[in-house]
């Protein structure tokens, strides 16, 4: 019970602390982006960190959520929130449809298959210009609730923070449940899990669907927050960033996924002073972190604290 609520409580304290510690709309806007990508990273962490399956095309599900939120209100007049729900369902159904055959693969074959899925989604979004605006992207109808138009850094900060906290709570509940234990068993050894009576294919597909749903929600939030979407949201580089967030923060750690999202989302904003050397500095920082903290930031620091306490 304590483990289930520990991470959401830590995140809540940090979220409240940041809000009252800063007096900058820019920082709040960056924080909202961190929360959105943190949500997507938490979902991907269930697949990669807990279940041990690789996905190099996960931004495709992000793109489905984002473009459903953009296209449906423009084409059918559907409310943006309902459109976002449709996008989330579509992402989950696509993951369910392709999950079982794709997740039969392992290693490099699985990585290439998921990469192909992401590229396919991005190509459809780019080529169907009559519907999606093509490479130039399209505007997204602003979110309105009961006549109130949601705008301002403060409002989006709390909306995205609330969804992140809910996503973290659900992820921690899954980890503490029999489902979470089954996923970790599959991660450790699929053969041993099958011998123990675990339906490996079912749990791998379940993890894939859950991670896709998280990405769909994040994509919808990103579209509503930015007010504009382009095919880049489903692109290969975005998929690589998502998987890097999980590995950098620490696979299997919900808090680590958020920390990884914070580094890859907020740090480039802080490195703009380096201009053309920005990506070089960011890459160097990531290399040093992974060399020194090989298990990821959060698990490695917790291990160091634990060893210090025993000493």
C-alpha atoms as a PDB file:
ATOM      1  CA  UNK A   1       0.000   0.000   0.000  1.00  0.00           C
ATOM      2  CA  UNK A   2       2.816   2.430   0.886  1.00  0.00           C
ATOM      3  CA  UNK A   3       4.696   1.662  -2.333  1.00  0.00           C
ATOM      4  CA  UNK A   4       1.540   2.311  -4.359  1.00  0.00           C
ATOM      5  CA  UNK A   5       1.198   5.904  -3.135  1.00  0.00           C
ATOM      6  CA  UNK A   6       4.841   6.843  -2.482  1.00  0.00           C
ATOM      7  CA  UNK A   7       5.720   7.956  -6.009  1.00  0.00           C
ATOM      8  CA  UNK A   8       2.485   9.936  -6.620  1.00  0.00           C
ATOM      9  CA  UNK A   9       2.992  11.695  -3.267  1.00  0.00           C
ATOM     10  CA  UNK A  10       6.581  12.597  -4.149  1.00  0.00           C
ATOM     11  CA  UNK A  11       5.407  13.939  -7.500  1.00  0.00           C
ATOM     12  CA  UNK A  12       2.606  15.911  -5.817  1.00  0.00           C
ATOM     13  CA  UNK A  13       5.058  17.556  -3.416  1.00  0.00           C
ATOM     14  CA  UNK A  14       7.402  18.451  -6.292  1.00  0.00           C
ATOM     15  CA  UNK A  15       4.562  19.798  -8.442  1.00  0.00           C
ATOM     16  CA  UNK A  16       3.189  22.011  -5.669  1.00  0.00           C
ATOM     17  CA  UNK A  17       6.697  23.126  -4.696  1.00  0.00           C
ATOM     18  CA  UNK A  18       7.634  24.117  -8.246  1.00  0.00           C
ATOM     19  CA  UNK A  19       4.409  26.052  -8.748  1.00  0.00           C
ATOM     20  CA  UNK A  20       4.893  28.185  -5.643  1.00  0.00           C
ATOM     21  CA  UNK A  21       8.673  28.483  -6.037  1.00  0.00           C
ATOM     22  CA  UNK A  22       8.714  29.940  -9.551  1.00  0.00           C
ATOM     23  CA  UNK A  23       7.203  33.128 -10.889  1.00  0.00           C
ATOM     24  CA  UNK A  24       7.592  32.575 -14.604  1.00  0.00           C
ATOM     25  CA  UNK A  25       4.986  31.619 -17.187  1.00  0.00           C
ATOM     26  CA  UNK A  26       7.775  30.211 -19.373  1.00  0.00           C
ATOM     27  CA  UNK A  27       8.863  27.735 -16.678  1.00  0.00           C
ATOM     28  CA  UNK A  28       5.250  26.684 -16.096  1.00  0.00           C
ATOM     29  CA  UNK A  29       4.801  26.080 -19.822  1.00  0.00           C
ATOM     30  CA  UNK A  30       7.951  23.959 -19.970  1.00  0.00           C
ATOM     31  CA  UNK A  31       6.765  22.082 -16.871  1.00  0.00           C
ATOM     32  CA  UNK A  32       3.455  21.319 -18.586  1.00  0.00           C
ATOM     33  CA  UNK A  33       5.397  19.791 -21.505  1.00  0.00           C
ATOM     34  CA  UNK A  34       7.431  17.768 -18.998  1.00  0.00           C
ATOM     35  CA  UNK A  35       4.216  16.415 -17.470  1.00  0.00           C
ATOM     36  CA  UNK A  36       2.820  15.451 -20.888  1.00  0.00           C
ATOM     37  CA  UNK A  37       5.964  13.620 -21.999  1.00  0.00           C
ATOM     38  CA  UNK A  38       6.354  12.191 -18.503  1.00  0.00           C
ATOM     39  CA  UNK A  39       2.927  10.581 -18.890  1.00  0.00           C
ATOM     40  CA  UNK A  40       3.958   8.996 -22.209  1.00  0.00           C
ATOM     41  CA  UNK A  41       7.236   7.802 -20.651  1.00  0.00           C
ATOM     42  CA  UNK A  42       5.392   6.217 -17.697  1.00  0.00           C
ATOM     43  CA  UNK A  43       3.267   4.216 -20.120  1.00  0.00           C
ATOM     44  CA  UNK A  44       6.272   3.153 -22.197  1.00  0.00           C
ATOM     45  CA  UNK A  45       8.052   2.185 -18.986  1.00  0.00           C
ATOM     46  CA  UNK A  46       5.328  -0.408 -18.301  1.00  0.00           C
ATOM     47  CA  UNK A  47       6.162  -2.041 -21.618  1.00  0.00           C
ATOM     48  CA  UNK A  48       9.953  -1.660 -21.590  1.00  0.00           C
ATOM     49  CA  UNK A  49      10.883  -1.530 -17.905  1.00  0.00           C
ATOM     50  CA  UNK A  50       8.332  -3.920 -16.408  1.00  0.00           C
ATOM     51  CA  UNK A  51       7.614  -6.307 -19.293  1.00  0.00           C
ATOM     52  CA  UNK A  52      10.995  -6.115 -21.041  1.00  0.00           C
ATOM     53  CA  UNK A  53       9.669  -5.469 -24.558  1.00  0.00           C
ATOM     54  CA  UNK A  54      11.275  -2.889 -26.867  1.00  0.00           C
ATOM     55  CA  UNK A  55       9.277  -0.326 -28.849  1.00  0.00           C
ATOM     56  CA  UNK A  56      11.027   2.074 -31.225  1.00  0.00           C
ATOM     57  CA  UNK A  57       7.856   3.426 -32.805  1.00  0.00           C
ATOM     58  CA  UNK A  58       5.853   4.460 -29.791  1.00  0.00           C
ATOM     59  CA  UNK A  59       5.474   8.047 -30.975  1.00  0.00           C
ATOM     60  CA  UNK A  60       3.028   6.628 -33.530  1.00  0.00           C
ATOM     61  CA  UNK A  61       0.474   6.204 -30.740  1.00  0.00           C
ATOM     62  CA  UNK A  62       1.270   9.734 -29.572  1.00  0.00           C
ATOM     63  CA  UNK A  63       0.484  10.908 -33.097  1.00  0.00           C
ATOM     64  CA  UNK A  64      -2.821   9.002 -33.198  1.00  0.00           C
ATOM     65  CA  UNK A  65      -3.991  10.699 -30.001  1.00  0.00           C
ATOM     66  CA  UNK A  66      -2.825  14.115 -31.181  1.00  0.00           C
ATOM     67  CA  UNK A  67      -4.326  13.971 -34.666  1.00  0.00           C
ATOM     68  CA  UNK A  68      -7.629  12.489 -33.521  1.00  0.00           C
ATOM     69  CA  UNK A  69      -7.925  15.464 -31.170  1.00  0.00           C
ATOM     70  CA  UNK A  70      -7.177  17.814 -34.075  1.00  0.00           C
ATOM     71  CA  UNK A  71      -9.020  16.191 -36.986  1.00  0.00           C
ATOM     72  CA  UNK A  72     -12.335  15.100 -35.457  1.00  0.00           C
ATOM     73  CA  UNK A  73     -13.428  18.540 -34.159  1.00  0.00           C
ATOM     74  CA  UNK A  74     -12.467  20.104 -37.508  1.00  0.00           C
ATOM     75  CA  UNK A  75     -14.238  17.485 -39.632  1.00  0.00           C
ATOM     76  CA  UNK A  76     -17.220  16.474 -37.495  1.00  0.00           C
ATOM     77  CA  UNK A  77     -17.609  19.211 -34.890  1.00  0.00           C
ATOM     78  CA  UNK A  78     -16.921  16.753 -32.078  1.00  0.00           C
ATOM     79  CA  UNK A  79     -15.886  18.271 -28.751  1.00  0.00           C
ATOM     80  CA  UNK A  80     -12.068  18.162 -28.361  1.00  0.00           C
ATOM     81  CA  UNK A  81     -12.275  16.062 -25.173  1.00  0.00           C
ATOM     82  CA  UNK A  82     -14.493  13.480 -26.884  1.00  0.00           C
ATOM     83  CA  UNK A  83     -12.150  13.517 -29.863  1.00  0.00           C
ATOM     84  CA  UNK A  84      -9.255  12.874 -27.516  1.00  0.00           C
ATOM     85  CA  UNK A  85     -11.118   9.883 -26.038  1.00  0.00           C
ATOM     86  CA  UNK A  86     -11.659   8.528 -29.547  1.00  0.00           C
ATOM     87  CA  UNK A  87      -7.948   8.930 -30.242  1.00  0.00           C
ATOM     88  CA  UNK A  88      -7.019   7.077 -27.059  1.00  0.00           C
ATOM     89  CA  UNK A  89      -9.382   4.226 -27.921  1.00  0.00           C
ATOM     90  CA  UNK A  90      -7.993   4.104 -31.469  1.00  0.00           C
ATOM     91  CA  UNK A  91      -4.419   3.895 -30.139  1.00  0.00           C
ATOM     92  CA  UNK A  92      -5.405   1.090 -27.764  1.00  0.00           C
ATOM     93  CA  UNK A  93      -7.249  -0.845 -30.489  1.00  0.00           C
ATOM     94  CA  UNK A  94      -4.321  -0.556 -32.897  1.00  0.00           C
ATOM     95  CA  UNK A  95      -1.970  -1.823 -30.184  1.00  0.00           C
ATOM     96  CA  UNK A  96      -4.355  -4.719 -29.494  1.00  0.00           C
ATOM     97  CA  UNK A  97      -4.602  -5.538 -33.197  1.00  0.00           C
ATOM     98  CA  UNK A  98      -0.875  -5.599 -33.926  1.00  0.00           C
ATOM     99  CA  UNK A  99       0.402  -6.434 -30.442  1.00  0.00           C
ATOM    100  CA  UNK A 100       0.055 -10.209 -30.439  1.00  0.00           C
ATOM    101  CA  UNK A 101       1.738 -10.870 -33.820  1.00  0.00           C
ATOM    102  CA  UNK A 102       4.428  -8.206 -33.321  1.00  0.00           C
ATOM    103  CA  UNK A 103       5.279  -9.225 -29.758  1.00  0.00           C
ATOM    104  CA  UNK A 104       5.985 -12.779 -30.867  1.00  0.00           C
ATOM    105  CA  UNK A 105       9.242 -11.349 -32.135  1.00  0.00           C
ATOM    106  CA  UNK A 106      12.237 -10.747 -29.905  1.00  0.00           C
ATOM    107  CA  UNK A 107      15.338  -8.594 -29.801  1.00  0.00           C
ATOM    108  CA  UNK A 108      16.275  -6.788 -33.003  1.00  0.00           C
ATOM    109  CA  UNK A 109      13.280  -8.186 -34.902  1.00  0.00           C
ATOM    110  CA  UNK A 110      10.874  -6.716 -32.340  1.00  0.00           C
ATOM    111  CA  UNK A 111      12.665  -3.372 -32.430  1.00  0.00           C
ATOM    112  CA  UNK A 112      12.452  -3.218 -36.242  1.00  0.00           C
ATOM    113  CA  UNK A 113       8.775  -4.254 -36.269  1.00  0.00           C
ATOM    114  CA  UNK A 114       7.751  -1.561 -33.783  1.00  0.00           C
ATOM    115  CA  UNK A 115       9.899   0.939 -35.672  1.00  0.00           C
ATOM    116  CA  UNK A 116       8.004   0.034 -38.837  1.00  0.00           C
ATOM    117  CA  UNK A 117       4.683   0.572 -37.083  1.00  0.00           C
ATOM    118  CA  UNK A 118       5.700   4.051 -35.973  1.00  0.00           C
ATOM    119  CA  UNK A 119       6.991   4.960 -39.441  1.00  0.00           C
ATOM    120  CA  UNK A 120       3.747   3.717 -41.005  1.00  0.00           C
ATOM    121  CA  UNK A 121       1.624   5.937 -38.755  1.00  0.00           C
ATOM    122  CA  UNK A 122       3.858   8.944 -39.456  1.00  0.00           C
ATOM    123  CA  UNK A 123       3.659   8.316 -43.234  1.00  0.00           C
ATOM    124  CA  UNK A 124      -0.140   8.119 -43.178  1.00  0.00           C
ATOM    125  CA  UNK A 125      -0.335  11.384 -41.243  1.00  0.00           C
ATOM    126  CA  UNK A 126       2.080  13.085 -43.636  1.00  0.00           C
ATOM    127  CA  UNK A 127       0.591  11.807 -46.894  1.00  0.00           C
ATOM    128  CA  UNK A 128      -3.120  12.287 -46.133  1.00  0.00           C
ATOM    129  CA  UNK A 129      -2.812  16.051 -46.489  1.00  0.00           C
ATOM    130  CA  UNK A 130      -6.522  16.503 -47.304  1.00  0.00           C
ATOM    131  CA  UNK A 131      -7.311  15.372 -43.780  1.00  0.00           C
ATOM    132  CA  UNK A 132      -4.252  16.162 -41.644  1.00  0.00           C
ATOM    133  CA  UNK A 133      -2.726  19.167 -43.379  1.00  0.00           C
ATOM    134  CA  UNK A 134       0.263  17.093 -44.491  1.00  0.00           C
ATOM    135  CA  UNK A 135       3.808  18.124 -43.536  1.00  0.00           C
ATOM    136  CA  UNK A 136       2.611  21.624 -42.609  1.00  0.00           C
ATOM    137  CA  UNK A 137       0.385  20.284 -39.832  1.00  0.00           C
ATOM    138  CA  UNK A 138      -2.953  21.706 -38.728  1.00  0.00           C
ATOM    139  CA  UNK A 139      -4.502  23.852 -36.049  1.00  0.00           C
ATOM    140  CA  UNK A 140      -6.298  22.325 -33.073  1.00  0.00           C
ATOM    141  CA  UNK A 141      -9.557  23.671 -31.697  1.00  0.00           C
ATOM    142  CA  UNK A 142      -8.998  25.199 -28.269  1.00  0.00           C
ATOM    143  CA  UNK A 143     -10.412  23.310 -25.295  1.00  0.00           C
ATOM    144  CA  UNK A 144     -13.599  24.797 -23.821  1.00  0.00           C
ATOM    145  CA  UNK A 145     -15.282  23.444 -20.685  1.00  0.00           C
ATOM    146  CA  UNK A 146     -18.795  24.645 -19.796  1.00  0.00           C
ATOM    147  CA  UNK A 147     -18.249  27.867 -21.707  1.00  0.00           C
ATOM    148  CA  UNK A 148     -14.811  28.461 -20.165  1.00  0.00           C
ATOM    149  CA  UNK A 149     -11.934  28.466 -22.629  1.00  0.00           C
ATOM    150  CA  UNK A 150      -8.887  26.829 -21.086  1.00  0.00           C
ATOM    151  CA  UNK A 151      -5.873  29.083 -21.520  1.00  0.00           C
ATOM    152  CA  UNK A 152      -2.910  30.366 -19.557  1.00  0.00           C
ATOM    153  CA  UNK A 153       0.222  28.674 -18.206  1.00  0.00           C
ATOM    154  CA  UNK A 154      -1.255  28.237 -14.703  1.00  0.00           C
ATOM    155  CA  UNK A 155      -4.325  26.358 -15.896  1.00  0.00           C
ATOM    156  CA  UNK A 156      -2.429  24.029 -18.213  1.00  0.00           C
ATOM    157  CA  UNK A 157       0.153  23.420 -15.512  1.00  0.00           C
ATOM    158  CA  UNK A 158      -2.468  21.996 -13.162  1.00  0.00           C
ATOM    159  CA  UNK A 159      -4.399  20.129 -15.857  1.00  0.00           C
ATOM    160  CA  UNK A 160      -1.327  18.306 -17.136  1.00  0.00           C
ATOM    161  CA  UNK A 161      -0.047  17.784 -13.582  1.00  0.00           C
ATOM    162  CA  UNK A 162      -3.356  16.224 -12.559  1.00  0.00           C
ATOM    163  CA  UNK A 163      -3.318  13.806 -15.489  1.00  0.00           C
ATOM    164  CA  UNK A 164       0.325  12.926 -14.751  1.00  0.00           C
ATOM    165  CA  UNK A 165      -0.483  12.186 -11.092  1.00  0.00           C
ATOM    166  CA  UNK A 166      -3.401   9.988 -12.130  1.00  0.00           C
ATOM    167  CA  UNK A 167      -1.209   8.161 -14.629  1.00  0.00           C
ATOM    168  CA  UNK A 168       1.514   7.650 -12.014  1.00  0.00           C
ATOM    169  CA  UNK A 169      -1.039   6.304  -9.513  1.00  0.00           C
ATOM    170  CA  UNK A 170      -2.438   3.847 -12.060  1.00  0.00           C
ATOM    171  CA  UNK A 171       1.076   2.706 -13.042  1.00  0.00           C
ATOM    172  CA  UNK A 172       2.094   2.203  -9.401  1.00  0.00           C
ATOM    173  CA  UNK A 173      -1.145   0.274  -8.763  1.00  0.00           C
ATOM    174  CA  UNK A 174      -0.379  -1.987 -11.732  1.00  0.00           C
ATOM    175  CA  UNK A 175       3.157  -2.589 -10.449  1.00  0.00           C
ATOM    176  CA  UNK A 176       1.821  -3.573  -7.004  1.00  0.00           C
ATOM    177  CA  UNK A 177      -0.872  -5.870  -8.440  1.00  0.00           C
ATOM    178  CA  UNK A 178      -0.686  -9.497  -9.625  1.00  0.00           C
ATOM    179  CA  UNK A 179      -0.570  -8.114 -13.176  1.00  0.00           C
ATOM    180  CA  UNK A 180       2.585  -6.186 -12.343  1.00  0.00           C
ATOM    181  CA  UNK A 181       4.193  -9.264 -10.849  1.00  0.00           C
ATOM    182  CA  UNK A 182       3.285 -11.259 -13.948  1.00  0.00           C
ATOM    183  CA  UNK A 183       4.832  -8.584 -16.189  1.00  0.00           C
ATOM    184  CA  UNK A 184       8.054  -8.651 -14.182  1.00  0.00           C
ATOM    185  CA  UNK A 185       8.102 -12.441 -14.409  1.00  0.00           C
ATOM    186  CA  UNK A 186       7.834 -12.190 -18.197  1.00  0.00           C
ATOM    187  CA  UNK A 187      10.665  -9.644 -18.132  1.00  0.00           C
ATOM    188  CA  UNK A 188      12.921 -11.959 -16.115  1.00  0.00           C
ATOM    189  CA  UNK A 189      12.271 -15.117 -18.132  1.00  0.00           C
ATOM    190  CA  UNK A 190       9.468 -15.908 -20.544  1.00  0.00           C
ATOM    191  CA  UNK A 191      10.141 -19.638 -20.242  1.00  0.00           C
ATOM    192  CA  UNK A 192       9.981 -19.574 -16.440  1.00  0.00           C
ATOM    193  CA  UNK A 193       6.833 -17.459 -16.608  1.00  0.00           C
ATOM    194  CA  UNK A 194       5.144 -19.987 -18.919  1.00  0.00           C
ATOM    195  CA  UNK A 195       6.157 -22.829 -16.604  1.00  0.00           C
ATOM    196  CA  UNK A 196       4.557 -20.912 -13.730  1.00  0.00           C
ATOM    197  CA  UNK A 197       1.288 -20.793 -15.667  1.00  0.00           C
ATOM    198  CA  UNK A 198       1.487 -17.181 -16.903  1.00  0.00           C
ATOM    199  CA  UNK A 199      -0.027 -16.470 -20.318  1.00  0.00           C
ATOM    200  CA  UNK A 200       3.023 -14.681 -21.704  1.00  0.00           C
ATOM    201  CA  UNK A 201       1.429 -13.550 -24.977  1.00  0.00           C
ATOM    202  CA  UNK A 202      -1.580 -12.112 -23.133  1.00  0.00           C
ATOM    203  CA  UNK A 203       0.478 -10.096 -20.668  1.00  0.00           C
ATOM    204  CA  UNK A 204       2.854  -8.795 -23.323  1.00  0.00           C
ATOM    205  CA  UNK A 205      -0.113  -7.616 -25.379  1.00  0.00           C
ATOM    206  CA  UNK A 206      -1.713  -6.087 -22.286  1.00  0.00           C
ATOM    207  CA  UNK A 207       1.455  -4.091 -21.537  1.00  0.00           C
ATOM    208  CA  UNK A 208       1.564  -2.928 -25.168  1.00  0.00           C
ATOM    209  CA  UNK A 209      -2.060  -1.755 -25.056  1.00  0.00           C
ATOM    210  CA  UNK A 210      -1.612   0.045 -21.713  1.00  0.00           C
ATOM    211  CA  UNK A 211       1.480   1.864 -22.967  1.00  0.00           C
ATOM    212  CA  UNK A 212      -0.363   2.847 -26.167  1.00  0.00           C
ATOM    213  CA  UNK A 213      -3.271   4.255 -24.140  1.00  0.00           C
ATOM    214  CA  UNK A 214      -0.856   6.357 -22.072  1.00  0.00           C
ATOM    215  CA  UNK A 215       0.736   7.655 -25.290  1.00  0.00           C
ATOM    216  CA  UNK A 216      -2.677   8.424 -26.781  1.00  0.00           C
ATOM    217  CA  UNK A 217      -3.651  10.499 -23.753  1.00  0.00           C
ATOM    218  CA  UNK A 218      -0.311  12.327 -23.872  1.00  0.00           C
ATOM    219  CA  UNK A 219      -0.747  13.005 -27.598  1.00  0.00           C
ATOM    220  CA  UNK A 220      -4.225  14.443 -27.073  1.00  0.00           C
ATOM    221  CA  UNK A 221      -3.002  16.675 -24.259  1.00  0.00           C
ATOM    222  CA  UNK A 222      -0.057  17.832 -26.375  1.00  0.00           C
ATOM    223  CA  UNK A 223      -2.366  18.803 -29.237  1.00  0.00           C
ATOM    224  CA  UNK A 224      -4.741  20.719 -26.970  1.00  0.00           C
ATOM    225  CA  UNK A 225      -1.875  22.414 -25.161  1.00  0.00           C
ATOM    226  CA  UNK A 226       0.032  23.521 -28.272  1.00  0.00           C
ATOM    227  CA  UNK A 227      -3.010  24.301 -30.384  1.00  0.00           C
ATOM    228  CA  UNK A 228      -1.144  22.958 -33.410  1.00  0.00           C
ATOM    229  CA  UNK A 229       0.137  19.554 -34.524  1.00  0.00           C
ATOM    230  CA  UNK A 230       2.618  18.408 -37.165  1.00  0.00           C
ATOM    231  CA  UNK A 231       3.674  14.902 -38.292  1.00  0.00           C
ATOM    232  CA  UNK A 232       6.839  15.290 -36.193  1.00  0.00           C
ATOM    233  CA  UNK A 233       4.794  14.283 -33.140  1.00  0.00           C
ATOM    234  CA  UNK A 234       4.685  10.735 -34.570  1.00  0.00           C
ATOM    235  CA  UNK A 235       8.206  10.808 -35.992  1.00  0.00           C
ATOM    236  CA  UNK A 236      11.116   8.472 -35.385  1.00  0.00           C
ATOM    237  CA  UNK A 237      13.106  11.023 -33.367  1.00  0.00           C
ATOM    238  CA  UNK A 238      10.195  11.455 -30.981  1.00  0.00           C
ATOM    239  CA  UNK A 239      10.093   7.672 -30.476  1.00  0.00           C
ATOM    240  CA  UNK A 240      13.818   7.655 -29.710  1.00  0.00           C
ATOM    241  CA  UNK A 241      13.356  10.467 -27.206  1.00  0.00           C
ATOM    242  CA  UNK A 242      10.600   8.526 -25.432  1.00  0.00           C
ATOM    243  CA  UNK A 243      12.691   5.369 -25.086  1.00  0.00           C
ATOM    244  CA  UNK A 244      15.663   7.482 -23.967  1.00  0.00           C
ATOM    245  CA  UNK A 245      13.528   9.063 -21.229  1.00  0.00           C
ATOM    246  CA  UNK A 246      12.754   5.613 -19.849  1.00  0.00           C
ATOM    247  CA  UNK A 247      16.345   4.345 -19.975  1.00  0.00           C
ATOM    248  CA  UNK A 248      17.874   7.569 -18.678  1.00  0.00           C
ATOM    249  CA  UNK A 249      15.525   7.883 -15.711  1.00  0.00           C
ATOM    250  CA  UNK A 250      15.662   4.181 -14.885  1.00  0.00           C
ATOM    251  CA  UNK A 251      13.738   1.280 -16.387  1.00  0.00           C
ATOM    252  CA  UNK A 252      11.047  -0.083 -14.101  1.00  0.00           C
ATOM    253  CA  UNK A 253      10.803   3.169 -12.130  1.00  0.00           C
ATOM    254  CA  UNK A 254       7.714   5.373 -12.473  1.00  0.00           C
ATOM    255  CA  UNK A 255       9.538   8.300 -10.911  1.00  0.00           C
ATOM    256  CA  UNK A 256      12.517   7.583 -13.172  1.00  0.00           C
ATOM    257  CA  UNK A 257      10.321   7.953 -16.267  1.00  0.00           C
ATOM    258  CA  UNK A 258       9.292  11.430 -15.109  1.00  0.00           C
ATOM    259  CA  UNK A 259      12.902  12.352 -14.296  1.00  0.00           C
ATOM    260  CA  UNK A 260      13.997  11.220 -17.767  1.00  0.00           C
ATOM    261  CA  UNK A 261      11.202  13.258 -19.340  1.00  0.00           C
ATOM    262  CA  UNK A 262      12.274  16.276 -17.293  1.00  0.00           C
ATOM    263  CA  UNK A 263      15.867  16.036 -18.518  1.00  0.00           C
ATOM    264  CA  UNK A 264      15.056  15.569 -22.197  1.00  0.00           C
ATOM    265  CA  UNK A 265      12.287  18.187 -22.227  1.00  0.00           C
ATOM    266  CA  UNK A 266      13.568  20.910 -19.899  1.00  0.00           C
ATOM    267  CA  UNK A 267      17.331  20.660 -20.378  1.00  0.00           C
ATOM    268  CA  UNK A 268      17.296  21.702 -24.076  1.00  0.00           C
ATOM    269  CA  UNK A 269      15.450  24.864 -22.997  1.00  0.00           C
ATOM    270  CA  UNK A 270      18.254  25.649 -20.558  1.00  0.00           C
ATOM    271  CA  UNK A 271      20.963  24.905 -23.115  1.00  0.00           C
ATOM    272  CA  UNK A 272      19.723  27.387 -25.723  1.00  0.00           C
ATOM    273  CA  UNK A 273      22.492  29.730 -24.556  1.00  0.00           C
ATOM    274  CA  UNK A 274      24.971  27.312 -26.170  1.00  0.00           C
ATOM    275  CA  UNK A 275      23.221  27.823 -29.523  1.00  0.00           C
ATOM    276  CA  UNK A 276      24.703  25.406 -32.092  1.00  0.00           C
ATOM    277  CA  UNK A 277      26.435  23.328 -29.392  1.00  0.00           C
ATOM    278  CA  UNK A 278      23.159  22.596 -27.627  1.00  0.00           C
ATOM    279  CA  UNK A 279      22.754  19.018 -28.905  1.00  0.00           C
ATOM    280  CA  UNK A 280      26.427  18.240 -28.341  1.00  0.00           C
ATOM    281  CA  UNK A 281      26.229  19.338 -24.691  1.00  0.00           C
ATOM    282  CA  UNK A 282      22.966  17.447 -24.174  1.00  0.00           C
ATOM    283  CA  UNK A 283      24.460  14.282 -25.657  1.00  0.00           C
ATOM    284  CA  UNK A 284      27.569  14.617 -23.484  1.00  0.00           C
ATOM    285  CA  UNK A 285      25.458  15.005 -20.341  1.00  0.00           C
ATOM    286  CA  UNK A 286      23.439  11.908 -21.233  1.00  0.00           C
ATOM    287  CA  UNK A 287      26.596   9.878 -21.878  1.00  0.00           C
ATOM    288  CA  UNK A 288      28.130  10.874 -18.541  1.00  0.00           C
ATOM    289  CA  UNK A 289      24.901  10.088 -16.676  1.00  0.00           C
ATOM    290  CA  UNK A 290      24.620   6.614 -18.203  1.00  0.00           C
ATOM    291  CA  UNK A 291      28.296   5.834 -17.575  1.00  0.00           C
ATOM    292  CA  UNK A 292      28.147   6.894 -13.922  1.00  0.00           C
ATOM    293  CA  UNK A 293      24.567   5.778 -13.177  1.00  0.00           C
ATOM    294  CA  UNK A 294      24.253   2.653 -15.293  1.00  0.00           C
ATOM    295  CA  UNK A 295      20.873   1.527 -13.967  1.00  0.00           C
ATOM    296  CA  UNK A 296      19.360   4.933 -14.682  1.00  0.00           C
ATOM    297  CA  UNK A 297      19.206   8.016 -12.500  1.00  0.00           C
ATOM    298  CA  UNK A 298      16.537   7.085  -9.951  1.00  0.00           C
ATOM    299  CA  UNK A 299      17.402   3.375  -9.363  1.00  0.00           C
ATOM    300  CA  UNK A 300      21.135   4.182  -9.153  1.00  0.00           C
ATOM    301  CA  UNK A 301      20.641   7.008  -6.661  1.00  0.00           C
ATOM    302  CA  UNK A 302      18.308   4.865  -4.536  1.00  0.00           C
ATOM    303  CA  UNK A 303      20.917   2.103  -4.529  1.00  0.00           C
ATOM    304  CA  UNK A 304      23.619   4.564  -3.456  1.00  0.00           C
ATOM    305  CA  UNK A 305      21.382   5.857  -0.643  1.00  0.00           C
ATOM    306  CA  UNK A 306      20.647   2.290   0.449  1.00  0.00           C
ATOM    307  CA  UNK A 307      24.330   1.358   0.571  1.00  0.00           C
ATOM    308  CA  UNK A 308      25.088   4.552   2.484  1.00  0.00           C
ATOM    309  CA  UNK A 309      22.404   3.740   5.018  1.00  0.00           C
ATOM    310  CA  UNK A 310      23.721   0.215   5.587  1.00  0.00           C
ATOM    311  CA  UNK A 311      27.267   1.566   5.945  1.00  0.00           C
END
